[in-house]
Amino acid sequence: MNDFVEQCRREWKRLGVPGPLAEEMAADLASDLEEAEAEGVSAADYLGASASDPRSFAASWASERGIIPAPPSREKGSRQPLALVAFTALAAIAVIVASLLLATGEPKVTLRTLRATPPHLPASPAGPSRSSGVGHQVQASAAAPIEWILLFVAIAALGFSAWLWLRWGRSRPIASPGSHALL
Protein backbone atom coordinates (compact mmCIF):
# COMPACT_ATOMS: atom_id res chain seq x y z
CA MET A 1 0.00 0.00 0.00
CA ASN A 2 3.08 2.22 0.12
CA ASP A 3 2.64 2.59 -3.66
CA PHE A 4 -0.88 3.98 -3.07
CA VAL A 5 0.51 6.64 -0.71
CA GLU A 6 3.23 7.54 -3.23
CA GLN A 7 0.69 7.91 -6.02
CA CYS A 8 -1.37 10.19 -3.78
CA ARG A 9 1.75 12.26 -3.04
CA ARG A 10 2.40 12.68 -6.78
CA GLU A 11 -1.21 13.71 -7.36
CA TRP A 12 -1.12 16.26 -4.54
CA LYS A 13 2.09 17.71 -6.02
CA ARG A 14 0.44 17.86 -9.46
CA LEU A 15 -2.59 19.62 -7.95
CA GLY A 16 -0.39 22.20 -6.24
CA VAL A 17 -0.92 21.11 -2.63
CA PRO A 18 1.84 22.75 -0.55
CA GLY A 19 4.64 20.32 0.36
CA PRO A 20 4.13 20.34 4.15
CA LEU A 21 0.37 19.70 3.78
CA ALA A 22 0.98 16.93 1.28
CA GLU A 23 3.48 15.27 3.61
CA GLU A 24 1.05 15.58 6.54
CA MET A 25 -1.75 14.03 4.49
CA ALA A 26 0.56 11.24 3.25
CA ALA A 27 1.65 10.48 6.81
CA ASP A 28 -1.99 10.42 7.98
CA LEU A 29 -2.94 8.13 5.10
CA ALA A 30 -0.03 5.75 5.74
CA SER A 31 -0.83 5.68 9.47
CA ASP A 32 -4.53 4.99 8.84
CA LEU A 33 -3.73 2.22 6.38
CA GLU A 34 -1.29 0.62 8.85
CA GLU A 35 -3.89 0.77 11.64
CA ALA A 36 -6.50 -0.79 9.40
CA GLU A 37 -4.12 -3.56 8.42
CA ALA A 38 -3.25 -4.20 12.10
CA GLU A 39 -6.99 -4.59 12.79
CA GLY A 40 -7.28 -7.13 9.98
CA VAL A 41 -8.98 -4.80 7.47
CA SER A 42 -7.46 -4.82 4.01
CA ALA A 43 -6.60 -1.56 2.34
CA ALA A 44 -9.13 -2.32 -0.41
CA ASP A 45 -11.88 -2.79 2.18
CA TYR A 46 -10.81 0.33 4.06
CA LEU A 47 -10.61 2.56 0.98
CA GLY A 48 -13.50 1.02 -0.93
CA ALA A 49 -13.59 1.78 -4.64
CA SER A 50 -10.91 4.45 -4.15
CA ALA A 51 -8.27 1.74 -3.66
CA SER A 52 -8.09 1.34 -7.43
CA ASP A 53 -7.93 5.09 -8.16
CA PRO A 54 -5.36 6.92 -6.02
CA ARG A 55 -5.51 10.09 -8.15
CA SER A 56 -9.25 10.49 -7.61
CA PHE A 57 -8.87 9.69 -3.91
CA ALA A 58 -6.10 12.27 -3.47
CA ALA A 59 -8.02 14.98 -5.34
CA SER A 60 -11.19 14.27 -3.38
CA TRP A 61 -9.41 14.38 -0.05
CA ALA A 62 -7.56 17.61 -0.87
CA SER A 63 -10.73 19.33 -2.05
CA GLU A 64 -12.69 18.25 1.02
CA ARG A 65 -9.97 19.65 3.27
CA GLY A 66 -10.28 22.94 1.38
CA ILE A 67 -6.72 22.82 0.07
CA ILE A 68 -7.73 22.85 -3.60
CA PRO A 69 -10.96 24.12 -5.18
CA ALA A 70 -13.82 21.67 -5.17
CA PRO A 71 -14.63 20.00 -8.49
CA PRO A 72 -17.68 21.29 -10.36
CA SER A 73 -20.94 20.56 -8.62
CA ARG A 74 -22.89 17.42 -9.40
CA GLU A 75 -25.89 19.52 -10.46
CA LYS A 76 -24.13 20.51 -13.65
CA GLY A 77 -23.03 16.92 -14.20
CA SER A 78 -26.55 15.63 -13.69
CA ARG A 79 -27.85 17.77 -16.56
CA GLN A 80 -25.51 16.17 -19.04
CA PRO A 81 -27.20 12.77 -18.93
CA LEU A 82 -30.55 14.39 -19.76
CA ALA A 83 -29.12 15.95 -22.91
CA LEU A 84 -27.31 12.73 -23.68
CA VAL A 85 -30.49 10.69 -23.21
CA ALA A 86 -32.38 13.06 -25.54
CA PHE A 87 -29.61 12.89 -28.16
CA THR A 88 -29.49 9.09 -27.95
CA ALA A 89 -33.29 8.83 -28.22
CA LEU A 90 -33.40 11.08 -31.29
CA ALA A 91 -30.64 9.10 -32.98
CA ALA A 92 -32.42 5.82 -32.22
CA ILE A 93 -35.71 7.18 -33.57
CA ALA A 94 -33.95 8.33 -36.74
CA VAL A 95 -32.48 4.84 -37.23
CA ILE A 96 -35.91 3.25 -36.78
CA VAL A 97 -37.66 5.69 -39.13
CA ALA A 98 -35.01 5.36 -41.84
CA SER A 99 -35.10 1.56 -41.56
CA LEU A 100 -38.89 1.46 -41.82
CA LEU A 101 -38.91 3.81 -44.81
CA LEU A 102 -36.30 1.70 -46.57
CA ALA A 103 -38.19 -1.50 -45.77
CA THR A 104 -41.52 -0.22 -47.10
CA GLY A 105 -40.01 1.59 -50.07
CA GLU A 106 -42.49 4.45 -49.79
CA PRO A 107 -43.09 6.82 -51.54
CA LYS A 108 -43.05 5.20 -54.97
CA VAL A 109 -42.46 7.00 -58.25
CA THR A 110 -43.50 5.62 -61.60
CA LEU A 111 -41.73 6.76 -64.74
CA ARG A 112 -43.34 6.04 -68.09
CA THR A 113 -42.05 6.67 -71.55
CA LEU A 114 -44.42 6.41 -74.50
CA ARG A 115 -43.75 6.40 -78.18
CA ALA A 116 -46.66 7.47 -80.32
CA THR A 117 -45.84 5.00 -83.02
CA PRO A 118 -43.23 2.35 -83.39
CA PRO A 119 -40.19 3.74 -85.19
CA HIS A 120 -40.66 1.51 -88.26
CA LEU A 121 -44.25 2.73 -88.94
CA PRO A 122 -45.08 6.13 -90.43
CA ALA A 123 -46.89 8.62 -88.22
CA SER A 124 -50.61 8.96 -88.76
CA PRO A 125 -51.90 12.17 -90.46
CA ALA A 126 -54.01 12.99 -87.36
CA GLY A 127 -50.87 13.34 -85.18
CA PRO A 128 -49.36 11.18 -82.53
CA SER A 129 -51.69 9.00 -80.56
CA ARG A 130 -50.83 8.16 -76.96
CA SER A 131 -53.35 5.37 -76.58
CA SER A 132 -51.83 3.20 -79.25
CA GLY A 133 -48.24 3.85 -78.24
CA VAL A 134 -45.61 1.46 -77.07
CA GLY A 135 -44.05 2.40 -73.75
CA HIS A 136 -41.73 1.54 -70.92
CA GLN A 137 -42.57 1.81 -67.24
CA VAL A 138 -40.14 1.93 -64.26
CA GLN A 139 -41.18 2.09 -60.62
CA ALA A 140 -38.75 3.07 -57.88
CA SER A 141 -38.62 4.56 -54.43
CA ALA A 142 -38.27 8.30 -54.71
CA ALA A 143 -36.70 8.84 -51.31
CA ALA A 144 -34.26 5.90 -51.18
CA PRO A 145 -31.06 7.98 -51.43
CA ILE A 146 -32.26 10.32 -48.69
CA GLU A 147 -33.34 7.38 -46.53
CA TRP A 148 -29.93 5.72 -46.89
CA ILE A 149 -28.18 8.97 -45.97
CA LEU A 150 -30.49 9.37 -42.96
CA LEU A 151 -29.78 5.80 -41.88
CA PHE A 152 -26.00 6.22 -42.08
CA VAL A 153 -26.07 9.58 -40.27
CA ALA A 154 -28.33 8.14 -37.56
CA ILE A 155 -26.04 5.14 -37.07
CA ALA A 156 -23.06 7.50 -36.81
CA ALA A 157 -24.99 9.57 -34.24
CA LEU A 158 -25.69 6.42 -32.21
CA GLY A 159 -22.00 5.57 -32.30
CA PHE A 160 -21.12 9.08 -31.17
CA SER A 161 -23.71 8.80 -28.42
CA ALA A 162 -22.17 5.53 -27.21
CA TRP A 163 -18.77 7.21 -27.13
CA LEU A 164 -20.20 10.13 -25.12
CA TRP A 165 -21.82 7.70 -22.66
CA LEU A 166 -18.47 5.98 -22.13
CA ARG A 167 -16.66 9.29 -21.59
CA TRP A 168 -19.36 10.56 -19.23
CA GLY A 169 -19.18 7.36 -17.20
CA ARG A 170 -15.42 7.70 -16.78
CA SER A 171 -15.47 11.41 -15.94
CA ARG A 172 -17.92 11.20 -13.05
CA PRO A 173 -16.32 11.38 -9.61
CA ILE A 174 -16.39 8.09 -7.75
CA ALA A 175 -18.19 8.42 -4.44
CA SER A 176 -17.64 5.53 -2.14
CA PRO A 177 -18.26 5.11 1.56
CA GLY A 178 -14.57 4.45 2.21
CA SER A 179 -13.33 7.58 0.46
CA HIS A 180 -14.42 9.83 3.32
CA ALA A 181 -13.20 7.57 6.11
CA LEU A 182 -9.87 9.40 6.37
CA LEU A 183 -11.22 12.92 6.49
C-alpha atoms as a PDB file:
ATOM      1  CA  MET A   1       0.000   0.000   0.000  1.00  0.00           C
ATOM      2  CA  ASN A   2       3.082   2.223   0.121  1.00  0.00           C
ATOM      3  CA  ASP A   3       2.639   2.593  -3.656  1.00  0.00           C
ATOM      4  CA  PHE A   4      -0.882   3.980  -3.074  1.00  0.00           C
ATOM      5  CA  VAL A   5       0.507   6.638  -0.708  1.00  0.00           C
ATOM      6  CA  GLU A   6       3.233   7.542  -3.227  1.00  0.00           C
ATOM      7  CA  GLN A   7       0.694   7.911  -6.022  1.00  0.00           C
ATOM      8  CA  CYS A   8      -1.374  10.187  -3.782  1.00  0.00           C
ATOM      9  CA  ARG A   9       1.748  12.264  -3.044  1.00  0.00           C
ATOM     10  CA  ARG A  10       2.401  12.678  -6.782  1.00  0.00           C
ATOM     11  CA  GLU A  11      -1.209  13.709  -7.362  1.00  0.00           C
ATOM     12  CA  TRP A  12      -1.123  16.264  -4.537  1.00  0.00           C
ATOM     13  CA  LYS A  13       2.090  17.706  -6.015  1.00  0.00           C
ATOM     14  CA  ARG A  14       0.444  17.862  -9.462  1.00  0.00           C
ATOM     15  CA  LEU A  15      -2.592  19.618  -7.950  1.00  0.00           C
ATOM     16  CA  GLY A  16      -0.389  22.200  -6.242  1.00  0.00           C
ATOM     17  CA  VAL A  17      -0.921  21.111  -2.635  1.00  0.00           C
ATOM     18  CA  PRO A  18       1.845  22.753  -0.552  1.00  0.00           C
ATOM     19  CA  GLY A  19       4.639  20.316   0.361  1.00  0.00           C
ATOM     20  CA  PRO A  20       4.133  20.335   4.154  1.00  0.00           C
ATOM     21  CA  LEU A  21       0.375  19.701   3.784  1.00  0.00           C
ATOM     22  CA  ALA A  22       0.978  16.927   1.276  1.00  0.00           C
ATOM     23  CA  GLU A  23       3.478  15.265   3.609  1.00  0.00           C
ATOM     24  CA  GLU A  24       1.049  15.576   6.541  1.00  0.00           C
ATOM     25  CA  MET A  25      -1.748  14.025   4.488  1.00  0.00           C
ATOM     26  CA  ALA A  26       0.561  11.240   3.248  1.00  0.00           C
ATOM     27  CA  ALA A  27       1.651  10.484   6.811  1.00  0.00           C
ATOM     28  CA  ASP A  28      -1.991  10.415   7.980  1.00  0.00           C
ATOM     29  CA  LEU A  29      -2.935   8.133   5.097  1.00  0.00           C
ATOM     30  CA  ALA A  30      -0.030   5.751   5.737  1.00  0.00           C
ATOM     31  CA  SER A  31      -0.833   5.681   9.466  1.00  0.00           C
ATOM     32  CA  ASP A  32      -4.530   4.990   8.838  1.00  0.00           C
ATOM     33  CA  LEU A  33      -3.727   2.218   6.384  1.00  0.00           C
ATOM     34  CA  GLU A  34      -1.286   0.618   8.847  1.00  0.00           C
ATOM     35  CA  GLU A  35      -3.886   0.774  11.636  1.00  0.00           C
ATOM     36  CA  ALA A  36      -6.504  -0.789   9.400  1.00  0.00           C
ATOM     37  CA  GLU A  37      -4.118  -3.555   8.424  1.00  0.00           C
ATOM     38  CA  ALA A  38      -3.251  -4.199  12.095  1.00  0.00           C
ATOM     39  CA  GLU A  39      -6.988  -4.591  12.791  1.00  0.00           C
ATOM     40  CA  GLY A  40      -7.278  -7.127   9.981  1.00  0.00           C
ATOM     41  CA  VAL A  41      -8.983  -4.805   7.475  1.00  0.00           C
ATOM     42  CA  SER A  42      -7.464  -4.824   4.015  1.00  0.00           C
ATOM     43  CA  ALA A  43      -6.604  -1.562   2.335  1.00  0.00           C
ATOM     44  CA  ALA A  44      -9.132  -2.320  -0.408  1.00  0.00           C
ATOM     45  CA  ASP A  45     -11.884  -2.789   2.182  1.00  0.00           C
ATOM     46  CA  TYR A  46     -10.812   0.331   4.059  1.00  0.00           C
ATOM     47  CA  LEU A  47     -10.609   2.562   0.983  1.00  0.00           C
ATOM     48  CA  GLY A  48     -13.503   1.020  -0.927  1.00  0.00           C
ATOM     49  CA  ALA A  49     -13.593   1.781  -4.640  1.00  0.00           C
ATOM     50  CA  SER A  50     -10.913   4.449  -4.149  1.00  0.00           C
ATOM     51  CA  ALA A  51      -8.272   1.738  -3.657  1.00  0.00           C
ATOM     52  CA  SER A  52      -8.089   1.337  -7.431  1.00  0.00           C
ATOM     53  CA  ASP A  53      -7.932   5.086  -8.164  1.00  0.00           C
ATOM     54  CA  PRO A  54      -5.363   6.917  -6.018  1.00  0.00           C
ATOM     55  CA  ARG A  55      -5.515  10.086  -8.147  1.00  0.00           C
ATOM     56  CA  SER A  56      -9.255  10.494  -7.606  1.00  0.00           C
ATOM     57  CA  PHE A  57      -8.873   9.687  -3.911  1.00  0.00           C
ATOM     58  CA  ALA A  58      -6.098  12.265  -3.473  1.00  0.00           C
ATOM     59  CA  ALA A  59      -8.017  14.975  -5.340  1.00  0.00           C
ATOM     60  CA  SER A  60     -11.193  14.275  -3.383  1.00  0.00           C
ATOM     61  CA  TRP A  61      -9.408  14.381  -0.048  1.00  0.00           C
ATOM     62  CA  ALA A  62      -7.557  17.609  -0.874  1.00  0.00           C
ATOM     63  CA  SER A  63     -10.733  19.331  -2.046  1.00  0.00           C
ATOM     64  CA  GLU A  64     -12.694  18.248   1.018  1.00  0.00           C
ATOM     65  CA  ARG A  65      -9.974  19.646   3.272  1.00  0.00           C
ATOM     66  CA  GLY A  66     -10.282  22.939   1.383  1.00  0.00           C
ATOM     67  CA  ILE A  67      -6.716  22.816   0.069  1.00  0.00           C
ATOM     68  CA  ILE A  68      -7.734  22.852  -3.600  1.00  0.00           C
ATOM     69  CA  PRO A  69     -10.958  24.119  -5.178  1.00  0.00           C
ATOM     70  CA  ALA A  70     -13.818  21.675  -5.172  1.00  0.00           C
ATOM     71  CA  PRO A  71     -14.628  20.005  -8.486  1.00  0.00           C
ATOM     72  CA  PRO A  72     -17.684  21.293 -10.363  1.00  0.00           C
ATOM     73  CA  SER A  73     -20.941  20.558  -8.621  1.00  0.00           C
ATOM     74  CA  ARG A  74     -22.885  17.420  -9.395  1.00  0.00           C
ATOM     75  CA  GLU A  75     -25.885  19.520 -10.455  1.00  0.00           C
ATOM     76  CA  LYS A  76     -24.130  20.515 -13.647  1.00  0.00           C
ATOM     77  CA  GLY A  77     -23.029  16.920 -14.205  1.00  0.00           C
ATOM     78  CA  SER A  78     -26.548  15.629 -13.686  1.00  0.00           C
ATOM     79  CA  ARG A  79     -27.846  17.770 -16.561  1.00  0.00           C
ATOM     80  CA  GLN A  80     -25.509  16.165 -19.037  1.00  0.00           C
ATOM     81  CA  PRO A  81     -27.197  12.768 -18.930  1.00  0.00           C
ATOM     82  CA  LEU A  82     -30.548  14.390 -19.758  1.00  0.00           C
ATOM     83  CA  ALA A  83     -29.124  15.947 -22.909  1.00  0.00           C
ATOM     84  CA  LEU A  84     -27.310  12.726 -23.681  1.00  0.00           C
ATOM     85  CA  VAL A  85     -30.493  10.695 -23.208  1.00  0.00           C
ATOM     86  CA  ALA A  86     -32.380  13.059 -25.535  1.00  0.00           C
ATOM     87  CA  PHE A  87     -29.614  12.887 -28.160  1.00  0.00           C
ATOM     88  CA  THR A  88     -29.492   9.092 -27.953  1.00  0.00           C
ATOM     89  CA  ALA A  89     -33.286   8.826 -28.217  1.00  0.00           C
ATOM     90  CA  LEU A  90     -33.403  11.082 -31.292  1.00  0.00           C
ATOM     91  CA  ALA A  91     -30.635   9.099 -32.982  1.00  0.00           C
ATOM     92  CA  ALA A  92     -32.421   5.819 -32.223  1.00  0.00           C
ATOM     93  CA  ILE A  93     -35.714   7.176 -33.568  1.00  0.00           C
ATOM     94  CA  ALA A  94     -33.953   8.331 -36.735  1.00  0.00           C
ATOM     95  CA  VAL A  95     -32.476   4.838 -37.233  1.00  0.00           C
ATOM     96  CA  ILE A  96     -35.906   3.252 -36.775  1.00  0.00           C
ATOM     97  CA  VAL A  97     -37.661   5.693 -39.125  1.00  0.00           C
ATOM     98  CA  ALA A  98     -35.010   5.355 -41.836  1.00  0.00           C
ATOM     99  CA  SER A  99     -35.101   1.563 -41.556  1.00  0.00           C
ATOM    100  CA  LEU A 100     -38.891   1.465 -41.823  1.00  0.00           C
ATOM    101  CA  LEU A 101     -38.910   3.807 -44.808  1.00  0.00           C
ATOM    102  CA  LEU A 102     -36.305   1.697 -46.572  1.00  0.00           C
ATOM    103  CA  ALA A 103     -38.194  -1.499 -45.766  1.00  0.00           C
ATOM    104  CA  THR A 104     -41.519  -0.216 -47.101  1.00  0.00           C
ATOM    105  CA  GLY A 105     -40.014   1.594 -50.073  1.00  0.00           C
ATOM    106  CA  GLU A 106     -42.491   4.452 -49.786  1.00  0.00           C
ATOM    107  CA  PRO A 107     -43.094   6.820 -51.540  1.00  0.00           C
ATOM    108  CA  LYS A 108     -43.048   5.201 -54.973  1.00  0.00           C
ATOM    109  CA  VAL A 109     -42.459   7.005 -58.246  1.00  0.00           C
ATOM    110  CA  THR A 110     -43.503   5.624 -61.603  1.00  0.00           C
ATOM    111  CA  LEU A 111     -41.735   6.764 -64.738  1.00  0.00           C
ATOM    112  CA  ARG A 112     -43.343   6.040 -68.088  1.00  0.00           C
ATOM    113  CA  THR A 113     -42.052   6.666 -71.553  1.00  0.00           C
ATOM    114  CA  LEU A 114     -44.423   6.409 -74.502  1.00  0.00           C
ATOM    115  CA  ARG A 115     -43.754   6.398 -78.176  1.00  0.00           C
ATOM    116  CA  ALA A 116     -46.655   7.472 -80.319  1.00  0.00           C
ATOM    117  CA  THR A 117     -45.835   5.000 -83.024  1.00  0.00           C
ATOM    118  CA  PRO A 118     -43.227   2.354 -83.389  1.00  0.00           C
ATOM    119  CA  PRO A 119     -40.188   3.740 -85.193  1.00  0.00           C
ATOM    120  CA  HIS A 120     -40.664   1.513 -88.256  1.00  0.00           C
ATOM    121  CA  LEU A 121     -44.247   2.729 -88.940  1.00  0.00           C
ATOM    122  CA  PRO A 122     -45.080   6.130 -90.430  1.00  0.00           C
ATOM    123  CA  ALA A 123     -46.889   8.616 -88.222  1.00  0.00           C
ATOM    124  CA  SER A 124     -50.612   8.961 -88.761  1.00  0.00           C
ATOM    125  CA  PRO A 125     -51.900  12.165 -90.464  1.00  0.00           C
ATOM    126  CA  ALA A 126     -54.010  12.992 -87.363  1.00  0.00           C
ATOM    127  CA  GLY A 127     -50.873  13.342 -85.178  1.00  0.00           C
ATOM    128  CA  PRO A 128     -49.358  11.179 -82.530  1.00  0.00           C
ATOM    129  CA  SER A 129     -51.686   8.995 -80.560  1.00  0.00           C
ATOM    130  CA  ARG A 130     -50.827   8.156 -76.958  1.00  0.00           C
ATOM    131  CA  SER A 131     -53.346   5.372 -76.583  1.00  0.00           C
ATOM    132  CA  SER A 132     -51.834   3.199 -79.245  1.00  0.00           C
ATOM    133  CA  GLY A 133     -48.243   3.848 -78.241  1.00  0.00           C
ATOM    134  CA  VAL A 134     -45.614   1.458 -77.070  1.00  0.00           C
ATOM    135  CA  GLY A 135     -44.050   2.396 -73.755  1.00  0.00           C
ATOM    136  CA  HIS A 136     -41.734   1.544 -70.921  1.00  0.00           C
ATOM    137  CA  GLN A 137     -42.570   1.808 -67.236  1.00  0.00           C
ATOM    138  CA  VAL A 138     -40.137   1.925 -64.258  1.00  0.00           C
ATOM    139  CA  GLN A 139     -41.185   2.086 -60.623  1.00  0.00           C
ATOM    140  CA  ALA A 140     -38.749   3.070 -57.878  1.00  0.00           C
ATOM    141  CA  SER A 141     -38.620   4.556 -54.427  1.00  0.00           C
ATOM    142  CA  ALA A 142     -38.267   8.298 -54.705  1.00  0.00           C
ATOM    143  CA  ALA A 143     -36.698   8.842 -51.309  1.00  0.00           C
ATOM    144  CA  ALA A 144     -34.257   5.896 -51.178  1.00  0.00           C
ATOM    145  CA  PRO A 145     -31.058   7.985 -51.429  1.00  0.00           C
ATOM    146  CA  ILE A 146     -32.259  10.318 -48.692  1.00  0.00           C
ATOM    147  CA  GLU A 147     -33.336   7.383 -46.528  1.00  0.00           C
ATOM    148  CA  TRP A 148     -29.928   5.717 -46.885  1.00  0.00           C
ATOM    149  CA  ILE A 149     -28.181   8.967 -45.975  1.00  0.00           C
ATOM    150  CA  LEU A 150     -30.486   9.373 -42.960  1.00  0.00           C
ATOM    151  CA  LEU A 151     -29.777   5.798 -41.883  1.00  0.00           C
ATOM    152  CA  PHE A 152     -25.999   6.217 -42.082  1.00  0.00           C
ATOM    153  CA  VAL A 153     -26.067   9.577 -40.269  1.00  0.00           C
ATOM    154  CA  ALA A 154     -28.332   8.140 -37.555  1.00  0.00           C
ATOM    155  CA  ILE A 155     -26.040   5.142 -37.073  1.00  0.00           C
ATOM    156  CA  ALA A 156     -23.058   7.501 -36.807  1.00  0.00           C
ATOM    157  CA  ALA A 157     -24.991   9.566 -34.244  1.00  0.00           C
ATOM    158  CA  LEU A 158     -25.689   6.420 -32.209  1.00  0.00           C
ATOM    159  CA  GLY A 159     -21.998   5.565 -32.298  1.00  0.00           C
ATOM    160  CA  PHE A 160     -21.116   9.077 -31.170  1.00  0.00           C
ATOM    161  CA  SER A 161     -23.709   8.795 -28.423  1.00  0.00           C
ATOM    162  CA  ALA A 162     -22.171   5.530 -27.211  1.00  0.00           C
ATOM    163  CA  TRP A 163     -18.766   7.208 -27.132  1.00  0.00           C
ATOM    164  CA  LEU A 164     -20.202  10.125 -25.116  1.00  0.00           C
ATOM    165  CA  TRP A 165     -21.817   7.695 -22.655  1.00  0.00           C
ATOM    166  CA  LEU A 166     -18.468   5.979 -22.134  1.00  0.00           C
ATOM    167  CA  ARG A 167     -16.662   9.293 -21.594  1.00  0.00           C
ATOM    168  CA  TRP A 168     -19.361  10.565 -19.228  1.00  0.00           C
ATOM    169  CA  GLY A 169     -19.185   7.363 -17.199  1.00  0.00           C
ATOM    170  CA  ARG A 170     -15.421   7.700 -16.778  1.00  0.00           C
ATOM    171  CA  SER A 171     -15.469  11.408 -15.937  1.00  0.00           C
ATOM    172  CA  ARG A 172     -17.921  11.199 -13.049  1.00  0.00           C
ATOM    173  CA  PRO A 173     -16.323  11.375  -9.614  1.00  0.00           C
ATOM    174  CA  ILE A 174     -16.386   8.095  -7.750  1.00  0.00           C
ATOM    175  CA  ALA A 175     -18.194   8.419  -4.436  1.00  0.00           C
ATOM    176  CA  SER A 176     -17.643   5.527  -2.144  1.00  0.00           C
ATOM    177  CA  PRO A 177     -18.262   5.110   1.557  1.00  0.00           C
ATOM    178  CA  GLY A 178     -14.570   4.452   2.210  1.00  0.00           C
ATOM    179  CA  SER A 179     -13.327   7.585   0.455  1.00  0.00           C
ATOM    180  CA  HIS A 180     -14.420   9.828   3.315  1.00  0.00           C
ATOM    181  CA  ALA A 181     -13.197   7.568   6.112  1.00  0.00           C
ATOM    182  CA  LEU A 182      -9.868   9.396   6.367  1.00  0.00           C
ATOM    183  CA  LEU A 183     -11.222  12.924   6.493  1.00  0.00           C
END
